[in-house]
Amino acid sequence: MTSPFTWTLHGDGRTLPPGDVVAPDERLSWPRTIGIGAQHVVAMFGATFLVPLITGFPPATTLFFSAVGTLLFLVITAGRVPSYLGSSFALIAPITAATASHDQATALGGVVAVGALLALVGLVVHFAGAKWIDIVMPPVVTGTIVALIGFNLAPAAWNNVKVAPVTATVTLTAIILVTVLFRGIIGRLSILVGVLIGYATAVFRGEVDFTAVSDAAWFGLPQFQTPSFSASTLGLFLPVVLVLVAENVGHVKSVSAMTGRDLDAVTGRALFADGVATVLAGAGGGTGTTTYAENIGVMAATRVYSTAAYMVAGLVGLTLSLMPKFGALIATIPVGVLGGAATVLYGMIGILGARIWVQNRVDFSNPVNLNTAAIALIIGIANYTLVIGDVSLEGIALGTGAALLVYHVMRSLAKWRGTSMEPASPASVPAGAELGAH
């Protein structure tokens, strides 16, 4: 591959023999590539739009920076890592808290800070390697942080559900049924299909106002907003960097496993690219980005890992973001629908943390692991709050700090006293592998 924008045609470009895969630096014929790229847009659509809708940000703006971030990611990784950068669910809690205590501009400042730190981590990984990540964030810590972020959001889901419980219940039920009744792409898009069914229910019940859609123009730039910064909110946001690191590392390792190519050398680039994309999003009014597991599902189903398809997806997303009428239509999705979908998604984030423990065979008979998870989860779920001057540290920040502190202090003391229950050579898969997108 001579450049990120040059791909070798795979076979005849039309057929894919059993067992074959289309590598990142290959492509099928352009009509087929465009079709697969459009499918990637559909895959990321539901989750990417839910984040701005839940946090109150303009959906078109988030889509704009998601598309720009995806194109930038492909360039920075030299077209070696197929990925769509969608909205990060890990940022919902800090954005919601910062907006409530300050305003949206301050929340955007937190997003910028997260992106800057992630980009810095990417640079360190690029030059020093990723081994230190596994040392600082072993699976028990990574899983705990992911879990507490998801469960910390539970009250936000209920606040939406109780506004329109019937619509929320229909949405939730539809997501559950579509997941088990359909295979292939429809089953993988159960949240999007559920939201559409919930939306139709809300329209029938008179819960949707289309006035803004009628008034919106067909073409135009999205609504941009500049950030402001407050030291008092940074503690809410910086723990999210650990989740984004785990998600990106897991994504690179998943793609490497599926394509049979060693991509460890571009892990730092992937982290740096997502960091830069998140900085741009926060600087202009977007909600922050991360690699998307939904699109890994599309790649697994099609066996097409071509970054050409992602280039198409980025361009399609960018085009849609420049249609204000489309953004206005998305913004009409009522809170009842969001509450039903959020009930599933927030729970999934929490369970993804437990999945990391299971995949890595975390031993909870070891009191170091048990106390790390137990203490941090209660702090995160109950939303413990510590105020120091103008700085307020809430559940996610305190829980993350507790997970890191309890694990490393207890582990060090156990080794010093000779009471450690760790096996001599623990076997584990990389922390964050197949973590998910959000």
Protein backbone atom coordinates (compact mmCIF):
# COMPACT_ATOMS: atom_id res chain seq x y z
CA MET A 1 0.00 0.00 0.00
CA THR A 2 1.77 3.14 -1.17
CA SER A 3 -0.56 5.59 0.60
CA PRO A 4 -3.65 5.50 2.83
CA PHE A 5 -5.73 6.25 -0.26
CA THR A 6 -4.50 3.47 -2.56
CA TRP A 7 -5.92 -0.06 -2.35
CA THR A 8 -5.19 -3.26 -4.27
CA LEU A 9 -8.20 -4.94 -5.87
CA HIS A 10 -8.90 -8.25 -4.11
CA GLY A 11 -9.35 -11.02 -6.67
CA ASP A 12 -11.89 -10.03 -9.29
CA GLY A 13 -13.40 -7.46 -6.94
CA ARG A 14 -16.78 -9.13 -7.06
CA THR A 15 -16.61 -12.49 -5.30
CA LEU A 16 -15.04 -13.55 -2.01
CA PRO A 17 -14.18 -17.28 -1.89
CA PRO A 18 -14.82 -19.15 1.39
CA GLY A 19 -12.07 -18.46 3.91
CA ASP A 20 -10.83 -15.34 2.11
CA VAL A 21 -10.75 -11.92 3.76
CA VAL A 22 -10.30 -8.50 2.20
CA ALA A 23 -7.29 -6.99 3.99
CA PRO A 24 -7.09 -3.34 5.10
CA ASP A 25 -4.94 -2.43 2.09
CA GLU A 26 -7.29 -4.19 -0.36
CA ARG A 27 -10.79 -3.47 -1.64
CA LEU A 28 -13.60 -4.98 -3.65
CA SER A 29 -15.07 -3.18 -6.69
CA TRP A 30 -16.07 0.39 -5.90
CA PRO A 31 -19.84 -0.25 -6.06
CA ARG A 32 -19.45 -3.06 -3.50
CA THR A 33 -17.05 -0.97 -1.41
CA ILE A 34 -19.51 1.93 -1.37
CA GLY A 35 -22.30 -0.43 -0.30
CA ILE A 36 -20.22 -1.83 2.57
CA GLY A 37 -19.20 1.70 3.57
CA ALA A 38 -22.86 2.72 3.74
CA GLN A 39 -23.50 -0.35 5.88
CA HIS A 40 -20.83 0.86 8.32
CA VAL A 41 -22.71 4.17 8.62
CA VAL A 42 -25.90 2.30 9.48
CA ALA A 43 -24.02 0.21 12.05
CA MET A 44 -22.65 3.19 13.93
CA PHE A 45 -25.75 5.31 13.49
CA GLY A 46 -27.90 4.42 16.49
CA ALA A 47 -25.21 4.58 19.17
CA THR A 48 -23.44 7.62 17.74
CA PHE A 49 -26.63 9.68 17.73
CA LEU A 50 -27.79 8.54 21.16
CA VAL A 51 -24.87 10.25 22.91
CA PRO A 52 -25.63 13.81 21.73
CA LEU A 53 -29.36 13.25 22.21
CA ILE A 54 -28.83 12.12 25.80
CA THR A 55 -26.34 14.88 26.61
CA GLY A 56 -28.21 17.66 24.79
CA PHE A 57 -25.61 18.31 22.09
CA PRO A 58 -26.55 18.94 18.42
CA PRO A 59 -26.62 15.53 16.66
CA ALA A 60 -25.40 16.94 13.33
CA THR A 61 -22.34 18.46 15.02
CA THR A 62 -21.44 15.17 16.65
CA LEU A 63 -21.85 13.35 13.33
CA PHE A 64 -19.67 15.96 11.60
CA PHE A 65 -16.77 15.45 14.00
CA SER A 66 -17.31 11.69 14.03
CA ALA A 67 -16.89 11.64 10.24
CA VAL A 68 -13.93 14.02 10.25
CA GLY A 69 -12.34 12.04 13.06
CA THR A 70 -12.75 8.79 11.13
CA LEU A 71 -11.07 10.23 8.03
CA LEU A 72 -8.29 11.67 10.18
CA PHE A 73 -7.85 8.31 11.94
CA LEU A 74 -7.35 6.56 8.60
CA VAL A 75 -4.72 9.09 7.57
CA ILE A 76 -2.78 9.00 10.87
CA THR A 77 -2.76 5.19 10.97
CA ALA A 78 -1.68 5.13 7.30
CA GLY A 79 -4.78 3.14 6.36
CA ARG A 80 -3.64 0.09 8.35
CA VAL A 81 -6.39 0.03 11.01
CA PRO A 82 -10.01 -0.19 9.79
CA SER A 83 -12.15 1.75 12.27
CA TYR A 84 -15.07 4.13 12.54
CA LEU A 85 -14.83 6.70 15.33
CA GLY A 86 -18.29 7.05 16.83
CA SER A 87 -19.53 8.79 19.98
CA SER A 88 -17.99 7.54 23.22
CA PHE A 89 -20.50 6.42 25.86
CA ALA A 90 -17.78 6.72 28.50
CA LEU A 91 -18.12 10.51 28.22
CA ILE A 92 -21.86 10.67 28.89
CA ALA A 93 -21.59 10.77 32.68
CA PRO A 94 -18.93 13.51 32.93
CA ILE A 95 -20.60 15.58 30.18
CA THR A 96 -23.95 15.35 31.96
CA ALA A 97 -22.44 16.26 35.32
CA ALA A 98 -20.37 19.15 33.95
CA THR A 99 -23.33 20.55 32.01
CA ALA A 100 -25.53 20.39 35.12
CA SER A 101 -23.00 22.11 37.36
CA HIS A 102 -21.66 24.57 34.78
CA ASP A 103 -22.71 24.56 31.10
CA GLN A 104 -22.14 22.78 27.79
CA ALA A 105 -19.05 24.86 27.00
CA THR A 106 -17.39 23.64 30.19
CA ALA A 107 -18.30 20.07 29.30
CA LEU A 108 -16.64 20.58 25.91
CA GLY A 109 -13.51 21.76 27.71
CA GLY A 110 -13.46 18.44 29.53
CA VAL A 111 -13.77 16.58 26.22
CA VAL A 112 -10.79 18.53 24.86
CA ALA A 113 -8.76 17.63 27.97
CA VAL A 114 -9.59 13.94 27.52
CA GLY A 115 -8.52 14.04 23.88
CA ALA A 116 -5.27 15.85 24.65
CA LEU A 117 -4.29 13.34 27.33
CA LEU A 118 -5.24 10.40 25.07
CA ALA A 119 -3.09 11.83 22.28
CA LEU A 120 -0.21 12.18 24.74
CA VAL A 121 -0.65 8.53 25.78
CA GLY A 122 -0.57 7.62 22.10
CA LEU A 123 2.76 9.35 21.64
CA VAL A 124 4.21 7.56 24.67
CA VAL A 125 2.95 4.20 23.41
CA HIS A 126 4.32 4.87 19.93
CA PHE A 127 7.83 5.48 21.23
CA ALA A 128 7.92 3.34 24.39
CA GLY A 129 5.57 0.46 23.54
CA ALA A 130 2.27 -0.60 25.11
CA LYS A 131 3.61 -3.00 27.78
CA TRP A 132 3.25 -0.41 30.55
CA ILE A 133 -0.50 -0.12 29.90
CA ASP A 134 -1.03 -3.74 30.97
CA ILE A 135 1.05 -3.09 34.10
CA VAL A 136 -0.80 0.07 35.16
CA MET A 137 -4.23 -1.18 34.09
CA PRO A 138 -4.49 -4.96 34.54
CA PRO A 139 -7.84 -6.59 33.64
CA VAL A 140 -9.31 -6.29 37.14
CA VAL A 141 -8.75 -2.52 37.08
CA THR A 142 -9.87 -2.02 33.47
CA GLY A 143 -13.01 -4.08 33.98
CA THR A 144 -13.87 -2.24 37.18
CA ILE A 145 -13.52 1.19 35.59
CA VAL A 146 -15.69 0.23 32.62
CA ALA A 147 -18.32 -1.32 34.91
CA LEU A 148 -18.56 1.63 37.28
CA ILE A 149 -18.96 4.08 34.40
CA GLY A 150 -21.92 2.12 33.05
CA PHE A 151 -23.65 1.63 36.41
CA ASN A 152 -23.02 5.24 37.43
CA LEU A 153 -25.34 6.22 34.54
CA ALA A 154 -28.33 4.21 35.83
CA PRO A 155 -30.14 7.22 37.36
CA ALA A 156 -29.86 9.11 34.05
CA ALA A 157 -31.65 6.27 32.26
CA TRP A 158 -34.47 6.25 34.83
CA ASN A 159 -34.89 10.04 34.56
CA ASN A 160 -35.70 9.58 30.87
CA VAL A 161 -37.85 6.48 31.29
CA LYS A 162 -40.18 8.01 33.88
CA VAL A 163 -41.07 10.88 31.51
CA ALA A 164 -42.74 8.48 29.03
CA PRO A 165 -42.76 4.97 30.52
CA VAL A 166 -44.97 3.44 27.82
CA THR A 167 -42.77 4.58 24.95
CA ALA A 168 -39.64 3.58 26.88
CA THR A 169 -41.05 0.10 27.53
CA VAL A 170 -41.95 -0.38 23.86
CA THR A 171 -38.44 0.70 22.83
CA LEU A 172 -36.78 -1.59 25.35
CA THR A 173 -39.01 -4.55 24.41
CA ALA A 174 -38.34 -4.00 20.69
CA ILE A 175 -34.57 -4.02 21.25
CA ILE A 176 -34.80 -7.28 23.21
CA LEU A 177 -37.01 -9.02 20.64
CA VAL A 178 -35.04 -7.90 17.57
CA THR A 179 -31.84 -9.13 19.20
CA VAL A 180 -33.13 -12.70 19.53
CA LEU A 181 -35.52 -12.93 16.57
CA PHE A 182 -33.17 -11.83 13.78
CA ARG A 183 -29.75 -12.90 12.60
CA GLY A 184 -27.09 -11.05 10.63
CA ILE A 185 -27.02 -7.30 10.27
CA ILE A 186 -30.59 -6.76 11.56
CA GLY A 187 -29.80 -8.55 14.80
CA ARG A 188 -26.62 -6.52 15.20
CA LEU A 189 -28.59 -3.31 14.67
CA SER A 190 -31.17 -4.17 17.32
CA ILE A 191 -30.71 -0.87 19.15
CA LEU A 192 -31.22 1.16 15.98
CA VAL A 193 -34.28 -0.90 15.00
CA GLY A 194 -35.64 -0.64 18.54
CA VAL A 195 -35.20 3.13 18.50
CA LEU A 196 -37.09 3.32 15.18
CA ILE A 197 -39.96 1.26 16.61
CA GLY A 198 -40.00 3.38 19.75
CA TYR A 199 -39.93 6.52 17.63
CA ALA A 200 -42.94 5.31 15.62
CA THR A 201 -44.73 4.66 18.91
CA ALA A 202 -43.88 8.16 20.15
CA VAL A 203 -45.22 9.68 16.91
CA PHE A 204 -48.46 7.71 17.31
CA ARG A 205 -48.77 8.92 20.91
CA GLY A 206 -48.19 12.55 19.91
CA GLU A 207 -44.83 12.88 21.68
CA VAL A 208 -42.89 14.19 18.64
CA ASP A 209 -42.82 17.79 17.40
CA PHE A 210 -41.73 18.16 13.75
CA THR A 211 -41.71 21.98 13.71
CA ALA A 212 -37.90 22.20 13.81
CA VAL A 213 -37.63 19.77 10.90
CA SER A 214 -39.90 21.91 8.73
CA ASP A 215 -37.92 25.05 9.57
CA ALA A 216 -34.46 23.52 8.96
CA ALA A 217 -32.58 24.00 5.70
CA TRP A 218 -31.62 21.09 3.47
CA PHE A 219 -27.92 22.01 3.34
CA GLY A 220 -25.69 23.99 5.69
CA LEU A 221 -22.97 23.73 8.32
CA PRO A 222 -23.77 22.13 11.68
CA GLN A 223 -24.00 24.18 14.86
CA PHE A 224 -20.50 24.73 16.27
CA GLN A 225 -19.64 25.76 19.82
CA THR A 226 -16.36 26.72 21.49
CA PRO A 227 -15.26 25.17 24.79
CA SER A 228 -14.39 26.78 28.10
CA PHE A 229 -12.27 25.22 30.80
CA SER A 230 -12.78 24.74 34.53
CA ALA A 231 -10.38 22.92 36.82
CA SER A 232 -13.32 21.88 38.99
CA THR A 233 -14.69 19.56 36.28
CA LEU A 234 -11.47 17.96 35.02
CA GLY A 235 -11.66 15.26 37.68
CA LEU A 236 -14.89 14.07 36.07
CA PHE A 237 -13.31 13.62 32.66
CA LEU A 238 -9.74 12.40 33.00
CA PRO A 239 -10.63 8.86 34.22
CA VAL A 240 -12.37 8.34 30.88
CA VAL A 241 -8.93 8.34 29.24
CA LEU A 242 -8.26 4.95 30.79
CA VAL A 243 -11.41 3.55 29.18
CA LEU A 244 -10.55 5.02 25.77
CA VAL A 245 -7.06 3.57 25.99
CA ALA A 246 -8.49 0.12 26.74
CA GLU A 247 -11.05 0.44 23.92
CA ASN A 248 -8.47 1.48 21.33
CA VAL A 249 -5.92 -1.15 22.34
CA GLY A 250 -8.67 -3.79 22.33
CA HIS A 251 -9.85 -2.65 18.90
CA VAL A 252 -6.37 -2.88 17.37
CA LYS A 253 -5.83 -6.34 18.86
CA SER A 254 -9.25 -7.52 17.64
CA VAL A 255 -8.57 -6.34 14.09
CA SER A 256 -5.10 -7.90 14.24
CA ALA A 257 -6.60 -11.24 15.27
CA MET A 258 -9.26 -11.14 12.55
CA THR A 259 -6.90 -10.16 9.73
CA GLY A 260 -3.87 -12.19 10.85
CA ARG A 261 -1.66 -9.10 10.73
CA ASP A 262 0.54 -7.78 13.53
CA LEU A 263 -0.70 -4.25 14.18
CA ASP A 264 1.09 -3.62 17.50
CA ALA A 265 3.34 -1.07 15.77
CA VAL A 266 0.36 1.20 15.00
CA THR A 267 -1.27 1.02 18.45
CA GLY A 268 0.31 4.33 19.41
CA ARG A 269 -0.90 5.91 16.19
CA ALA A 270 -4.45 4.68 16.84
CA LEU A 271 -4.45 6.17 20.33
CA PHE A 272 -2.98 9.43 19.07
CA ALA A 273 -5.51 9.62 16.22
CA ASP A 274 -8.49 9.07 18.52
CA GLY A 275 -7.06 11.68 20.88
CA VAL A 276 -6.72 14.26 18.13
CA ALA A 277 -10.24 13.46 16.87
CA THR A 278 -11.63 13.93 20.39
CA VAL A 279 -9.81 17.26 20.77
CA LEU A 280 -11.32 18.48 17.50
CA ALA A 281 -14.79 17.31 18.57
CA GLY A 282 -14.58 19.07 21.91
CA ALA A 283 -13.18 22.22 20.30
CA GLY A 284 -16.17 22.51 17.97
CA GLY A 285 -19.15 21.14 19.86
CA GLY A 286 -18.93 17.34 19.46
CA THR A 287 -19.13 14.73 22.19
CA GLY A 288 -15.82 12.89 21.81
CA THR A 289 -14.97 9.76 19.84
CA THR A 290 -13.85 6.16 20.19
CA THR A 291 -13.43 3.06 18.03
CA TYR A 292 -16.70 1.22 17.42
CA ALA A 293 -17.39 -2.46 18.10
CA GLU A 294 -20.56 -2.26 15.98
CA ASN A 295 -18.36 -1.88 12.94
CA ILE A 296 -16.18 -4.79 13.99
CA GLY A 297 -19.39 -6.81 13.80
CA VAL A 298 -19.94 -5.67 10.21
CA MET A 299 -16.37 -6.63 9.31
CA ALA A 300 -16.76 -10.04 10.91
CA ALA A 301 -19.99 -10.63 8.97
CA THR A 302 -18.67 -9.46 5.59
CA ARG A 303 -15.00 -10.50 6.01
CA VAL A 304 -14.14 -7.15 4.44
CA TYR A 305 -11.58 -5.20 6.48
CA SER A 306 -10.78 -2.69 3.76
CA THR A 307 -10.10 0.83 5.00
CA ALA A 308 -11.54 2.00 1.67
CA ALA A 309 -14.98 1.10 3.04
CA TYR A 310 -14.29 3.25 6.09
CA MET A 311 -13.19 6.12 3.89
CA VAL A 312 -16.57 5.85 2.18
CA ALA A 313 -18.32 5.69 5.57
CA GLY A 314 -16.55 8.84 6.71
CA LEU A 315 -17.54 10.70 3.55
CA VAL A 316 -21.17 9.54 3.83
CA GLY A 317 -21.29 10.64 7.48
CA LEU A 318 -19.78 14.00 6.57
CA THR A 319 -22.41 14.53 3.84
CA LEU A 320 -25.28 13.72 6.21
CA SER A 321 -23.88 16.10 8.85
CA LEU A 322 -24.12 18.96 6.32
CA MET A 323 -27.89 18.46 6.01
CA PRO A 324 -29.53 20.44 8.88
CA LYS A 325 -32.95 18.95 8.13
CA PHE A 326 -31.53 15.49 8.76
CA GLY A 327 -29.99 16.62 12.06
CA ALA A 328 -33.26 18.27 13.10
CA LEU A 329 -35.13 15.03 12.42
CA ILE A 330 -32.75 13.08 14.63
CA ALA A 331 -33.15 15.69 17.37
CA THR A 332 -36.91 15.03 17.49
CA ILE A 333 -36.37 11.61 19.09
CA PRO A 334 -38.17 11.98 22.47
CA VAL A 335 -36.77 11.20 25.90
CA GLY A 336 -38.94 8.12 26.34
CA VAL A 337 -37.23 6.43 23.40
CA LEU A 338 -33.84 7.50 24.72
CA GLY A 339 -34.68 6.13 28.16
CA GLY A 340 -35.57 2.72 26.76
CA ALA A 341 -32.39 2.52 24.69
CA ALA A 342 -30.24 3.91 27.50
CA THR A 343 -31.49 1.20 29.86
CA VAL A 344 -29.90 -1.36 27.56
CA LEU A 345 -26.79 0.58 26.62
CA TYR A 346 -25.80 1.72 30.11
CA GLY A 347 -26.29 -1.80 31.41
CA MET A 348 -24.20 -3.14 28.54
CA ILE A 349 -21.35 -0.81 29.47
CA GLY A 350 -21.44 -2.13 33.02
CA ILE A 351 -21.57 -5.76 31.89
CA LEU A 352 -18.69 -5.17 29.46
CA GLY A 353 -16.60 -4.54 32.54
CA ALA A 354 -17.61 -7.93 33.92
CA ARG A 355 -16.88 -9.45 30.51
CA ILE A 356 -13.29 -8.20 30.75
CA TRP A 357 -12.98 -10.02 34.09
CA VAL A 358 -14.36 -13.23 32.62
CA GLN A 359 -12.26 -13.13 29.45
CA ASN A 360 -9.11 -12.56 31.47
CA ARG A 361 -10.04 -15.11 34.16
CA VAL A 362 -9.70 -12.58 36.97
CA ASP A 363 -9.40 -14.51 40.24
CA PHE A 364 -11.74 -12.96 42.82
CA SER A 365 -10.61 -15.40 45.50
CA ASN A 366 -7.56 -13.13 45.54
CA PRO A 367 -8.43 -10.38 48.07
CA VAL A 368 -6.46 -7.81 46.07
CA ASN A 369 -8.75 -8.27 43.07
CA LEU A 370 -11.88 -8.58 45.22
CA ASN A 371 -11.25 -5.38 47.17
CA THR A 372 -10.22 -3.47 44.05
CA ALA A 373 -13.53 -4.17 42.33
CA ALA A 374 -15.76 -4.03 45.43
CA ILE A 375 -14.61 -0.65 46.74
CA ALA A 376 -14.42 1.08 43.36
CA LEU A 377 -17.84 -0.15 42.22
CA ILE A 378 -19.64 1.09 45.33
CA ILE A 379 -17.94 4.47 45.04
CA GLY A 380 -18.93 4.72 41.38
CA ILE A 381 -22.50 3.42 41.68
CA ALA A 382 -23.33 5.51 44.77
CA ASN A 383 -21.61 8.51 43.15
CA TYR A 384 -19.41 9.37 46.13
CA THR A 385 -18.35 13.00 45.93
CA LEU A 386 -15.26 14.73 47.31
CA VAL A 387 -14.98 18.52 47.18
CA ILE A 388 -11.52 20.07 47.52
CA GLY A 389 -11.71 23.84 47.13
CA ASP A 390 -13.17 24.51 43.71
CA VAL A 391 -12.55 20.96 42.52
CA SER A 392 -15.34 18.38 42.82
CA LEU A 393 -14.43 14.71 42.35
CA GLU A 394 -17.46 12.49 41.81
CA GLY A 395 -18.16 8.77 41.52
CA ILE A 396 -16.37 7.98 38.27
CA ALA A 397 -13.21 9.91 39.14
CA LEU A 398 -13.09 8.66 42.73
CA GLY A 399 -13.95 5.10 41.70
CA THR A 400 -11.21 5.09 39.06
CA GLY A 401 -8.70 6.48 41.53
CA ALA A 402 -9.77 3.91 44.11
CA ALA A 403 -9.39 1.03 41.65
CA LEU A 404 -5.84 2.07 40.76
CA LEU A 405 -4.83 2.91 44.33
CA VAL A 406 -6.33 -0.13 46.05
CA TYR A 407 -4.95 -2.57 43.48
CA HIS A 408 -1.38 -1.31 43.35
CA VAL A 409 -1.05 -0.59 47.10
CA MET A 410 -2.56 -3.91 48.19
CA ARG A 411 -0.54 -5.83 45.58
CA SER A 412 2.71 -4.18 46.64
CA LEU A 413 2.05 -4.78 50.34
CA ALA A 414 1.04 -8.40 49.72
CA LYS A 415 4.27 -9.07 47.84
CA TRP A 416 6.31 -7.32 50.56
CA ARG A 417 4.67 -9.37 53.33
CA GLY A 418 4.71 -12.59 51.32
CA THR A 419 0.91 -12.93 51.44
CA SER A 420 0.36 -12.55 47.69
CA MET A 421 -2.03 -15.06 46.14
CA GLU A 422 -0.99 -14.35 42.56
CA PRO A 423 0.21 -17.31 40.48
CA ALA A 424 3.83 -17.20 39.40
CA SER A 425 2.94 -16.74 35.71
CA PRO A 426 -0.63 -15.49 35.37
CA ALA A 427 -2.17 -16.10 31.95
CA SER A 428 -4.39 -13.41 30.52
CA VAL A 429 -5.51 -11.86 27.30
CA PRO A 430 -4.74 -8.19 26.70
CA ALA A 431 -6.78 -5.84 28.90
CA GLY A 432 -9.44 -4.21 26.81
CA ALA A 433 -9.46 -6.82 24.05
CA GLU A 434 -12.91 -6.92 22.52
CA LEU A 435 -13.94 -4.32 25.11
CA GLY A 436 -16.47 -2.76 22.83
CA ALA A 437 -16.93 0.63 21.30
CA HIS A 438 -18.40 2.89 23.87
